[in-house]
Amino acid sequence: MIKSKNLEGTQAVTANRLRDGAVVFLTATGTWSRHINDSAIARTADEAAALLAIGTQAAADRVVVEPYLFEVTAEGGAIQPVSTRERIRAFGPSVEEQRPLETAS
């Protein structure tokens, strides 16, 4: 299923790579990258629809699973997801690794 809540605003396309499940981002050359800063950015509804069409074809070709648009900010050369969910997908868990508590013996 292809998801898209809205085709307005600055957006990029993400999916999961079929062969290993990695989070990937659609690039301007139509390839997929694990780095969000490689993402192609859509600034209009037409650009967003075109990027999503590329993602949809990649899903049909069994390269990725579930491509969808998500909102980003793209200022100063860095692409940042707007939602917490997408920040976690792009950058990993939002909590520090917890060490087990040491017990006194």
PDB file of N, CA and C in Angstrom:
ATOM      1  N   MET A   1       0.841  -1.183   0.000  1.00  0.00           N
ATOM      2  CA  MET A   1       0.000   0.000   0.000  1.00  0.00           C
ATOM      3  C   MET A   1       0.883   1.242   0.000  1.00  0.00           C
ATOM      4  N   ILE A   2       0.577   2.186  -0.862  1.00  0.00           N
ATOM      5  CA  ILE A   2       1.331   3.430  -0.946  1.00  0.00           C
ATOM      6  C   ILE A   2       0.612   4.472  -0.098  1.00  0.00           C
ATOM      7  N   LYS A   3       1.362   5.110   0.815  1.00  0.00           N
ATOM      8  CA  LYS A   3       0.765   6.093   1.706  1.00  0.00           C
ATOM      9  C   LYS A   3       1.171   7.498   1.297  1.00  0.00           C
ATOM     10  N   SER A   4       0.256   8.425   1.413  1.00  0.00           N
ATOM     11  CA  SER A   4       0.559   9.840   1.235  1.00  0.00           C
ATOM     12  C   SER A   4      -0.567  10.636   1.850  1.00  0.00           C
ATOM     13  N   LYS A   5      -0.271  11.372   2.900  1.00  0.00           N
ATOM     14  CA  LYS A   5      -1.303  12.149   3.569  1.00  0.00           C
ATOM     15  C   LYS A   5      -1.602  13.430   2.813  1.00  0.00           C
ATOM     16  N   ASN A   6      -0.570  13.981   2.165  1.00  0.00           N
ATOM     17  CA  ASN A   6      -0.757  15.268   1.529  1.00  0.00           C
ATOM     18  C   ASN A   6       0.387  15.495   0.562  1.00  0.00           C
ATOM     19  N   LEU A   7       0.089  16.116  -0.550  1.00  0.00           N
ATOM     20  CA  LEU A   7       1.113  16.343  -1.556  1.00  0.00           C
ATOM     21  C   LEU A   7       1.589  17.793  -1.578  1.00  0.00           C
ATOM     22  N   GLU A   8       1.360  18.538  -0.522  1.00  0.00           N
ATOM     23  CA  GLU A   8       1.811  19.924  -0.447  1.00  0.00           C
ATOM     24  C   GLU A   8       2.960  20.042   0.539  1.00  0.00           C
ATOM     25  N   GLY A   9       3.850  21.004   0.343  1.00  0.00           N
ATOM     26  CA  GLY A   9       4.967  21.229   1.253  1.00  0.00           C
ATOM     27  C   GLY A   9       6.223  20.527   0.779  1.00  0.00           C
ATOM     28  N   THR A  10       7.306  20.705   1.521  1.00  0.00           N
ATOM     29  CA  THR A  10       8.580  20.102   1.178  1.00  0.00           C
ATOM     30  C   THR A  10       8.578  18.652   1.646  1.00  0.00           C
ATOM     31  N   GLN A  11       8.766  17.730   0.694  1.00  0.00           N
ATOM     32  CA  GLN A  11       8.673  16.314   1.022  1.00  0.00           C
ATOM     33  C   GLN A  11       9.760  15.499   0.351  1.00  0.00           C
ATOM     34  N   ALA A  12       9.963  14.303   0.875  1.00  0.00           N
ATOM     35  CA  ALA A  12      10.882  13.319   0.303  1.00  0.00           C
ATOM     36  C   ALA A  12      10.170  11.970   0.336  1.00  0.00           C
ATOM     37  N   VAL A  13      10.769  10.975  -0.311  1.00  0.00           N
ATOM     38  CA  VAL A  13      10.184   9.629  -0.336  1.00  0.00           C
ATOM     39  C   VAL A  13      11.098   8.682   0.426  1.00  0.00           C
ATOM     40  N   THR A  14      10.493   7.876   1.272  1.00  0.00           N
ATOM     41  CA  THR A  14      11.213   6.845   2.002  1.00  0.00           C
ATOM     42  C   THR A  14      10.526   5.511   1.788  1.00  0.00           C
ATOM     43  N   ALA A  15      11.248   4.444   2.072  1.00  0.00           N
ATOM     44  CA  ALA A  15      10.720   3.085   1.971  1.00  0.00           C
ATOM     45  C   ALA A  15      11.667   2.178   2.745  1.00  0.00           C
ATOM     46  N   ASN A  16      11.393   0.887   2.690  1.00  0.00           N
ATOM     47  CA  ASN A  16      12.317  -0.098   3.213  1.00  0.00           C
ATOM     48  C   ASN A  16      12.819  -0.926   2.047  1.00  0.00           C
ATOM     49  N   ARG A  17      14.127  -1.139   2.004  1.00  0.00           N
ATOM     50  CA  ARG A  17      14.730  -1.942   0.950  1.00  0.00           C
ATOM     51  C   ARG A  17      14.287  -3.393   1.144  1.00  0.00           C
ATOM     52  N   LEU A  18      13.839  -4.024   0.083  1.00  0.00           N
ATOM     53  CA  LEU A  18      13.276  -5.367   0.175  1.00  0.00           C
ATOM     54  C   LEU A  18      14.308  -6.409   0.615  1.00  0.00           C
ATOM     55  N   ARG A  19      15.526  -6.333   0.116  1.00  0.00           N
ATOM     56  CA  ARG A  19      16.472  -7.415   0.395  1.00  0.00           C
ATOM     57  C   ARG A  19      16.953  -7.478   1.841  1.00  0.00           C
ATOM     58  N   ASP A  20      16.949  -6.340   2.552  1.00  0.00           N
ATOM     59  CA  ASP A  20      17.436  -6.377   3.934  1.00  0.00           C
ATOM     60  C   ASP A  20      16.611  -5.561   4.928  1.00  0.00           C
ATOM     61  N   GLY A  21      15.565  -4.897   4.463  1.00  0.00           N
ATOM     62  CA  GLY A  21      14.691  -4.139   5.358  1.00  0.00           C
ATOM     63  C   GLY A  21      15.210  -2.779   5.768  1.00  0.00           C
ATOM     64  N   ALA A  22      16.356  -2.366   5.261  1.00  0.00           N
ATOM     65  CA  ALA A  22      16.940  -1.078   5.642  1.00  0.00           C
ATOM     66  C   ALA A  22      16.041   0.082   5.222  1.00  0.00           C
ATOM     67  N   VAL A  23      16.010   1.119   6.048  1.00  0.00           N
ATOM     68  CA  VAL A  23      15.309   2.355   5.693  1.00  0.00           C
ATOM     69  C   VAL A  23      16.121   3.035   4.600  1.00  0.00           C
ATOM     70  N   VAL A  24      15.464   3.409   3.507  1.00  0.00           N
ATOM     71  CA  VAL A  24      16.143   4.061   2.387  1.00  0.00           C
ATOM     72  C   VAL A  24      15.357   5.281   1.933  1.00  0.00           C
ATOM     73  N   PHE A  25      16.057   6.174   1.236  1.00  0.00           N
ATOM     74  CA  PHE A  25      15.484   7.429   0.764  1.00  0.00           C
ATOM     75  C   PHE A  25      15.744   7.549  -0.730  1.00  0.00           C
ATOM     76  N   LEU A  26      14.730   7.985  -1.466  1.00  0.00           N
ATOM     77  CA  LEU A  26      14.843   8.145  -2.912  1.00  0.00           C
ATOM     78  C   LEU A  26      15.726   9.345  -3.239  1.00  0.00           C
ATOM     79  N   THR A  27      16.694   9.141  -4.139  1.00  0.00           N
ATOM     80  CA  THR A  27      17.603  10.220  -4.525  1.00  0.00           C
ATOM     81  C   THR A  27      17.142  10.871  -5.828  1.00  0.00           C
ATOM     82  N   ALA A  28      17.774  11.974  -6.177  1.00  0.00           N
ATOM     83  CA  ALA A  28      17.428  12.695  -7.409  1.00  0.00           C
ATOM     84  C   ALA A  28      17.728  11.876  -8.656  1.00  0.00           C
ATOM     85  N   THR A  29      18.615  10.885  -8.556  1.00  0.00           N
ATOM     86  CA  THR A  29      18.946  10.045  -9.710  1.00  0.00           C
ATOM     87  C   THR A  29      18.046   8.814  -9.801  1.00  0.00           C
ATOM     88  N   GLY A  30      17.095   8.680  -8.867  1.00  0.00           N
ATOM     89  CA  GLY A  30      16.174   7.548  -8.889  1.00  0.00           C
ATOM     90  C   GLY A  30      16.706   6.311  -8.205  1.00  0.00           C
ATOM     91  N   THR A  31      17.827   6.441  -7.511  1.00  0.00           N
ATOM     92  CA  THR A  31      18.368   5.324  -6.748  1.00  0.00           C
ATOM     93  C   THR A  31      17.924   5.486  -5.295  1.00  0.00           C
ATOM     94  N   TRP A  32      18.314   4.539  -4.463  1.00  0.00           N
ATOM     95  CA  TRP A  32      17.936   4.574  -3.046  1.00  0.00           C
ATOM     96  C   TRP A  32      19.188   4.662  -2.190  1.00  0.00           C
ATOM     97  N   SER A  33      19.144   5.497  -1.169  1.00  0.00           N
ATOM     98  CA  SER A  33      20.279   5.706  -0.275  1.00  0.00           C
ATOM     99  C   SER A  33      19.833   5.508   1.167  1.00  0.00           C
ATOM    100  N   ARG A  34      20.748   5.063   2.002  1.00  0.00           N
ATOM    101  CA  ARG A  34      20.451   4.947   3.440  1.00  0.00           C
ATOM    102  C   ARG A  34      20.637   6.285   4.156  1.00  0.00           C
ATOM    103  N   HIS A  35      21.091   7.320   3.439  1.00  0.00           N
ATOM    104  CA  HIS A  35      21.375   8.622   4.052  1.00  0.00           C
ATOM    105  C   HIS A  35      20.320   9.643   3.639  1.00  0.00           C
ATOM    106  N   ILE A  36      19.650  10.215   4.605  1.00  0.00           N
ATOM    107  CA  ILE A  36      18.569  11.160   4.321  1.00  0.00           C
ATOM    108  C   ILE A  36      19.054  12.379   3.540  1.00  0.00           C
ATOM    109  N   ASN A  37      20.285  12.803   3.747  1.00  0.00           N
ATOM    110  CA  ASN A  37      20.780  13.982   3.036  1.00  0.00           C
ATOM    111  C   ASN A  37      20.964  13.745   1.544  1.00  0.00           C
ATOM    112  N   ASP A  38      20.846  12.505   1.102  1.00  0.00           N
ATOM    113  CA  ASP A  38      20.899  12.183  -0.329  1.00  0.00           C
ATOM    114  C   ASP A  38      19.523  12.276  -0.977  1.00  0.00           C
ATOM    115  N   SER A  39      18.490  12.539  -0.192  1.00  0.00           N
ATOM    116  CA  SER A  39      17.104  12.527  -0.682  1.00  0.00           C
ATOM    117  C   SER A  39      16.828  13.575  -1.744  1.00  0.00           C
ATOM    118  N   ALA A  40      16.018  13.191  -2.712  1.00  0.00           N
ATOM    119  CA  ALA A  40      15.442  14.162  -3.648  1.00  0.00           C
ATOM    120  C   ALA A  40      14.330  14.883  -2.889  1.00  0.00           C
ATOM    121  N   ILE A  41      14.234  16.181  -3.069  1.00  0.00           N
ATOM    122  CA  ILE A  41      13.247  16.979  -2.353  1.00  0.00           C
ATOM    123  C   ILE A  41      12.193  17.496  -3.324  1.00  0.00           C
ATOM    124  N   ALA A  42      10.939  17.322  -2.942  1.00  0.00           N
ATOM    125  CA  ALA A  42       9.822  17.852  -3.721  1.00  0.00           C
ATOM    126  C   ALA A  42       9.309  19.108  -3.029  1.00  0.00           C
ATOM    127  N   ARG A  43       9.212  20.186  -3.790  1.00  0.00           N
ATOM    128  CA  ARG A  43       8.711  21.442  -3.221  1.00  0.00           C
ATOM    129  C   ARG A  43       7.314  21.796  -3.727  1.00  0.00           C
ATOM    130  N   THR A  44       6.827  21.040  -4.695  1.00  0.00           N
ATOM    131  CA  THR A  44       5.472  21.274  -5.216  1.00  0.00           C
ATOM    132  C   THR A  44       4.724  19.946  -5.253  1.00  0.00           C
ATOM    133  N   ALA A  45       3.422  20.028  -5.408  1.00  0.00           N
ATOM    134  CA  ALA A  45       2.602  18.820  -5.498  1.00  0.00           C
ATOM    135  C   ALA A  45       2.986  17.983  -6.714  1.00  0.00           C
ATOM    136  N   ASP A  46       3.295  18.626  -7.835  1.00  0.00           N
ATOM    137  CA  ASP A  46       3.697  17.885  -9.039  1.00  0.00           C
ATOM    138  C   ASP A  46       5.020  17.151  -8.826  1.00  0.00           C
ATOM    139  N   GLU A  47       5.986  17.808  -8.192  1.00  0.00           N
ATOM    140  CA  GLU A  47       7.261  17.156  -7.907  1.00  0.00           C
ATOM    141  C   GLU A  47       7.071  15.982  -6.949  1.00  0.00           C
ATOM    142  N   ALA A  48       6.220  16.168  -5.940  1.00  0.00           N
ATOM    143  CA  ALA A  48       5.946  15.095  -4.979  1.00  0.00           C
ATOM    144  C   ALA A  48       5.309  13.900  -5.673  1.00  0.00           C
ATOM    145  N   ALA A  49       4.349  14.168  -6.542  1.00  0.00           N
ATOM    146  CA  ALA A  49       3.686  13.088  -7.274  1.00  0.00           C
ATOM    147  C   ALA A  49       4.681  12.345  -8.163  1.00  0.00           C
ATOM    148  N   ALA A  50       5.602  13.068  -8.787  1.00  0.00           N
ATOM    149  CA  ALA A  50       6.603  12.437  -9.648  1.00  0.00           C
ATOM    150  C   ALA A  50       7.544  11.553  -8.831  1.00  0.00           C
ATOM    151  N   LEU A  51       7.992  12.027  -7.674  1.00  0.00           N
ATOM    152  CA  LEU A  51       8.859  11.216  -6.825  1.00  0.00           C
ATOM    153  C   LEU A  51       8.133   9.974  -6.328  1.00  0.00           C
ATOM    154  N   LEU A  52       6.887  10.151  -5.918  1.00  0.00           N
ATOM    155  CA  LEU A  52       6.119   9.009  -5.440  1.00  0.00           C
ATOM    156  C   LEU A  52       5.897   7.983  -6.554  1.00  0.00           C
ATOM    157  N   ALA A  53       5.723   8.444  -7.782  1.00  0.00           N
ATOM    158  CA  ALA A  53       5.571   7.529  -8.917  1.00  0.00           C
ATOM    159  C   ALA A  53       6.834   6.684  -9.104  1.00  0.00           C
ATOM    160  N   ILE A  54       8.003   7.291  -8.922  1.00  0.00           N
ATOM    161  CA  ILE A  54       9.257   6.540  -9.007  1.00  0.00           C
ATOM    162  C   ILE A  54       9.312   5.498  -7.893  1.00  0.00           C
ATOM    163  N   GLY A  55       8.917   5.900  -6.688  1.00  0.00           N
ATOM    164  CA  GLY A  55       8.890   4.964  -5.567  1.00  0.00           C
ATOM    165  C   GLY A  55       7.907   3.828  -5.789  1.00  0.00           C
ATOM    166  N   THR A  56       6.755   4.152  -6.358  1.00  0.00           N
ATOM    167  CA  THR A  56       5.746   3.138  -6.649  1.00  0.00           C
ATOM    168  C   THR A  56       6.268   2.128  -7.658  1.00  0.00           C
ATOM    169  N   GLN A  57       6.975   2.609  -8.668  1.00  0.00           N
ATOM    170  CA  GLN A  57       7.561   1.696  -9.661  1.00  0.00           C
ATOM    171  C   GLN A  57       8.630   0.809  -9.019  1.00  0.00           C
ATOM    172  N   ALA A  58       9.424   1.374  -8.125  1.00  0.00           N
ATOM    173  CA  ALA A  58      10.446   0.583  -7.436  1.00  0.00           C
ATOM    174  C   ALA A  58       9.800  -0.511  -6.578  1.00  0.00           C
ATOM    175  N   ALA A  59       8.647  -0.224  -6.004  1.00  0.00           N
ATOM    176  CA  ALA A  59       7.922  -1.245  -5.240  1.00  0.00           C
ATOM    177  C   ALA A  59       7.404  -2.333  -6.180  1.00  0.00           C
ATOM    178  N   ALA A  60       6.884  -1.930  -7.322  1.00  0.00           N
ATOM    179  CA  ALA A  60       6.413  -2.905  -8.312  1.00  0.00           C
ATOM    180  C   ALA A  60       7.556  -3.771  -8.823  1.00  0.00           C
ATOM    181  N   ASP A  61       8.757  -3.189  -8.903  1.00  0.00           N
ATOM    182  CA  ASP A  61       9.949  -3.915  -9.353  1.00  0.00           C
ATOM    183  C   ASP A  61      10.600  -4.711  -8.217  1.00  0.00           C
ATOM    184  N   ARG A  62      10.008  -4.672  -7.059  1.00  0.00           N
ATOM    185  CA  ARG A  62      10.478  -5.410  -5.876  1.00  0.00           C
ATOM    186  C   ARG A  62      11.864  -4.980  -5.401  1.00  0.00           C
ATOM    187  N   VAL A  63      12.092  -3.674  -5.469  1.00  0.00           N
ATOM    188  CA  VAL A  63      13.335  -3.107  -4.949  1.00  0.00           C
ATOM    189  C   VAL A  63      13.111  -2.625  -3.521  1.00  0.00           C
ATOM    190  N   VAL A  64      11.956  -2.000  -3.292  1.00  0.00           N
ATOM    191  CA  VAL A  64      11.590  -1.467  -1.978  1.00  0.00           C
ATOM    192  C   VAL A  64      10.170  -1.904  -1.627  1.00  0.00           C
ATOM    193  N   VAL A  65       9.822  -1.673  -0.365  1.00  0.00           N
ATOM    194  CA  VAL A  65       8.487  -1.975   0.138  1.00  0.00           C
ATOM    195  C   VAL A  65       7.904  -0.701   0.732  1.00  0.00           C
ATOM    196  N   GLU A  66       6.640  -0.451   0.448  1.00  0.00           N
ATOM    197  CA  GLU A  66       5.888   0.643   1.070  1.00  0.00           C
ATOM    198  C   GLU A  66       6.498   2.037   0.922  1.00  0.00           C
ATOM    199  N   PRO A  67       6.789   2.495  -0.280  1.00  0.00           N
ATOM    200  CA  PRO A  67       7.297   3.867  -0.414  1.00  0.00           C
ATOM    201  C   PRO A  67       6.201   4.885  -0.077  1.00  0.00           C
ATOM    202  N   TYR A  68       6.594   5.968   0.550  1.00  0.00           N
ATOM    203  CA  TYR A  68       5.639   7.030   0.855  1.00  0.00           C
ATOM    204  C   TYR A  68       6.352   8.365   1.025  1.00  0.00           C
ATOM    205  N   LEU A  69       5.589   9.425   0.871  1.00  0.00           N
ATOM    206  CA  LEU A  69       6.089  10.785   1.060  1.00  0.00           C
ATOM    207  C   LEU A  69       6.066  11.130   2.543  1.00  0.00           C
ATOM    208  N   PHE A  70       7.049  11.925   2.959  1.00  0.00           N
ATOM    209  CA  PHE A  70       7.035  12.449   4.321  1.00  0.00           C
ATOM    210  C   PHE A  70       7.565  13.872   4.289  1.00  0.00           C
ATOM    211  N   GLU A  71       7.110  14.671   5.228  1.00  0.00           N
ATOM    212  CA  GLU A  71       7.463  16.085   5.256  1.00  0.00           C
ATOM    213  C   GLU A  71       8.857  16.289   5.839  1.00  0.00           C
ATOM    214  N   VAL A  72       9.610  17.184   5.195  1.00  0.00           N
ATOM    215  CA  VAL A  72      10.966  17.506   5.641  1.00  0.00           C
ATOM    216  C   VAL A  72      11.183  19.017   5.615  1.00  0.00           C
ATOM    217  N   THR A  73      12.220  19.440   6.314  1.00  0.00           N
ATOM    218  CA  THR A  73      12.742  20.784   6.139  1.00  0.00           C
ATOM    219  C   THR A  73      14.095  20.606   5.463  1.00  0.00           C
ATOM    220  N   ALA A  74      14.426  21.519   4.599  1.00  0.00           N
ATOM    221  CA  ALA A  74      15.694  21.415   3.854  1.00  0.00           C
ATOM    222  C   ALA A  74      16.357  22.780   3.836  1.00  0.00           C
ATOM    223  N   GLU A  75      17.017  23.097   4.934  1.00  0.00           N
ATOM    224  CA  GLU A  75      17.676  24.386   5.054  1.00  0.00           C
ATOM    225  C   GLU A  75      19.142  24.189   5.390  1.00  0.00           C
ATOM    226  N   GLY A  76      19.989  24.995   4.816  1.00  0.00           N
ATOM    227  CA  GLY A  76      21.412  24.936   5.115  1.00  0.00           C
ATOM    228  C   GLY A  76      22.081  23.641   4.686  1.00  0.00           C
ATOM    229  N   GLY A  77      21.522  22.975   3.696  1.00  0.00           N
ATOM    230  CA  GLY A  77      22.131  21.757   3.184  1.00  0.00           C
ATOM    231  C   GLY A  77      21.795  20.495   3.949  1.00  0.00           C
ATOM    232  N   ALA A  78      21.087  20.608   5.054  1.00  0.00           N
ATOM    233  CA  ALA A  78      20.712  19.431   5.842  1.00  0.00           C
ATOM    234  C   ALA A  78      19.216  19.179   5.707  1.00  0.00           C
ATOM    235  N   ILE A  79      18.870  17.926   5.494  1.00  0.00           N
ATOM    236  CA  ILE A  79      17.468  17.544   5.390  1.00  0.00           C
ATOM    237  C   ILE A  79      17.046  16.963   6.735  1.00  0.00           C
ATOM    238  N   GLN A  80      15.982  17.495   7.295  1.00  0.00           N
ATOM    239  CA  GLN A  80      15.486  17.051   8.591  1.00  0.00           C
ATOM    240  C   GLN A  80      14.023  16.642   8.470  1.00  0.00           C
ATOM    241  N   PRO A  81      13.664  15.435   8.903  1.00  0.00           N
ATOM    242  CA  PRO A  81      12.250  15.053   8.929  1.00  0.00           C
ATOM    243  C   PRO A  81      11.510  15.908   9.949  1.00  0.00           C
ATOM    244  N   VAL A  82      10.250  16.191   9.666  1.00  0.00           N
ATOM    245  CA  VAL A  82       9.442  16.996  10.574  1.00  0.00           C
ATOM    246  C   VAL A  82       8.893  16.143  11.718  1.00  0.00           C
ATOM    247  N   SER A  83       8.408  14.960  11.423  1.00  0.00           N
ATOM    248  CA  SER A  83       7.768  14.135  12.456  1.00  0.00           C
ATOM    249  C   SER A  83       8.793  13.326  13.246  1.00  0.00           C
ATOM    250  N   THR A  84       8.439  13.023  14.477  1.00  0.00           N
ATOM    251  CA  THR A  84       9.291  12.213  15.338  1.00  0.00           C
ATOM    252  C   THR A  84       9.499  10.836  14.732  1.00  0.00           C
ATOM    253  N   ARG A  85       8.454  10.241  14.206  1.00  0.00           N
ATOM    254  CA  ARG A  85       8.553   8.907  13.601  1.00  0.00           C
ATOM    255  C   ARG A  85       9.617   8.886  12.510  1.00  0.00           C
ATOM    256  N   GLU A  86       9.590   9.877  11.636  1.00  0.00           N
ATOM    257  CA  GLU A  86      10.546   9.908  10.529  1.00  0.00           C
ATOM    258  C   GLU A  86      11.957  10.257  10.993  1.00  0.00           C
ATOM    259  N   ARG A  87      12.079  11.051  12.058  1.00  0.00           N
ATOM    260  CA  ARG A  87      13.413  11.317  12.620  1.00  0.00           C
ATOM    261  C   ARG A  87      14.023  10.019  13.146  1.00  0.00           C
ATOM    262  N   ILE A  88      13.212   9.180  13.796  1.00  0.00           N
ATOM    263  CA  ILE A  88      13.706   7.900  14.301  1.00  0.00           C
ATOM    264  C   ILE A  88      14.089   6.988  13.142  1.00  0.00           C
ATOM    265  N   ARG A  89      13.267   6.957  12.089  1.00  0.00           N
ATOM    266  CA  ARG A  89      13.601   6.133  10.918  1.00  0.00           C
ATOM    267  C   ARG A  89      14.911   6.595  10.279  1.00  0.00           C
ATOM    268  N   ALA A  90      15.123   7.907  10.226  1.00  0.00           N
ATOM    269  CA  ALA A  90      16.316   8.452   9.568  1.00  0.00           C
ATOM    270  C   ALA A  90      17.573   8.368  10.421  1.00  0.00           C
ATOM    271  N   PHE A  91      17.432   8.610  11.725  1.00  0.00           N
ATOM    272  CA  PHE A  91      18.609   8.763  12.572  1.00  0.00           C
ATOM    273  C   PHE A  91      18.751   7.722  13.674  1.00  0.00           C
ATOM    274  N   GLY A  92      17.774   6.847  13.829  1.00  0.00           N
ATOM    275  CA  GLY A  92      17.851   5.803  14.845  1.00  0.00           C
ATOM    276  C   GLY A  92      17.109   6.166  16.118  1.00  0.00           C
ATOM    277  N   PRO A  93      17.223   5.316  17.128  1.00  0.00           N
ATOM    278  CA  PRO A  93      16.478   5.499  18.385  1.00  0.00           C
ATOM    279  C   PRO A  93      16.733   6.857  19.022  1.00  0.00           C
ATOM    280  N   SER A  94      15.741   7.326  19.739  1.00  0.00           N
ATOM    281  CA  SER A  94      15.818   8.657  20.340  1.00  0.00           C
ATOM    282  C   SER A  94      16.244   8.621  21.803  1.00  0.00           C
ATOM    283  N   VAL A  95      16.644   7.459  22.280  1.00  0.00           N
ATOM    284  CA  VAL A  95      17.112   7.343  23.662  1.00  0.00           C
ATOM    285  C   VAL A  95      18.521   6.774  23.657  1.00  0.00           C
ATOM    286  N   GLU A  96      19.272   7.114  24.678  1.00  0.00           N
ATOM    287  CA  GLU A  96      20.612   6.570  24.797  1.00  0.00           C
ATOM    288  C   GLU A  96      20.534   5.115  25.213  1.00  0.00           C
ATOM    289  N   GLU A  97      21.563   4.368  24.844  1.00  0.00           N
ATOM    290  CA  GLU A  97      21.633   2.968  25.254  1.00  0.00           C
ATOM    291  C   GLU A  97      21.718   2.906  26.769  1.00  0.00           C
ATOM    292  N   GLN A  98      20.933   2.044  27.357  1.00  0.00           N
ATOM    293  CA  GLN A  98      20.908   1.907  28.811  1.00  0.00           C
ATOM    294  C   GLN A  98      21.795   0.744  29.237  1.00  0.00           C
ATOM    295  N   ARG A  99      22.625   1.000  30.208  1.00  0.00           N
ATOM    296  CA  ARG A  99      23.441  -0.071  30.772  1.00  0.00           C
ATOM    297  C   ARG A  99      22.629  -0.774  31.857  1.00  0.00           C
ATOM    298  N   PRO A 100      22.829  -2.073  32.015  1.00  0.00           N
ATOM    299  CA  PRO A 100      22.138  -2.759  33.102  1.00  0.00           C
ATOM    300  C   PRO A 100      22.610  -2.216  34.450  1.00  0.00           C
ATOM    301  N   LEU A 101      21.723  -2.163  35.397  1.00  0.00           N
ATOM    302  CA  LEU A 101      22.097  -1.727  36.743  1.00  0.00           C
ATOM    303  C   LEU A 101      23.010  -2.765  37.374  1.00  0.00           C
ATOM    304  N   GLU A 102      24.045  -2.294  38.009  1.00  0.00           N
ATOM    305  CA  GLU A 102      24.927  -3.217  38.696  1.00  0.00           C
ATOM    306  C   GLU A 102      24.349  -3.481  40.080  1.00  0.00           C
ATOM    307  N   THR A 103      24.390  -4.701  40.475  1.00  0.00           N
ATOM    308  CA  THR A 103      23.857  -5.056  41.793  1.00  0.00           C
ATOM    309  C   THR A 103      25.000  -5.354  42.731  1.00  0.00           C
ATOM    310  N   ALA A 104      24.798  -5.021  43.965  1.00  0.00           N
ATOM    311  CA  ALA A 104      25.815  -5.311  45.000  1.00  0.00           C
ATOM    312  C   ALA A 104      25.746  -6.782  45.342  1.00  0.00           C
ATOM    313  N   SER A 105      26.896  -7.397  45.516  1.00  0.00           N
ATOM    314  CA  SER A 105      26.870  -8.815  45.884  1.00  0.00           C
ATOM    315  C   SER A 105      27.378  -9.026  47.288  1.00  0.00           C
TER     316      SER A 105
END
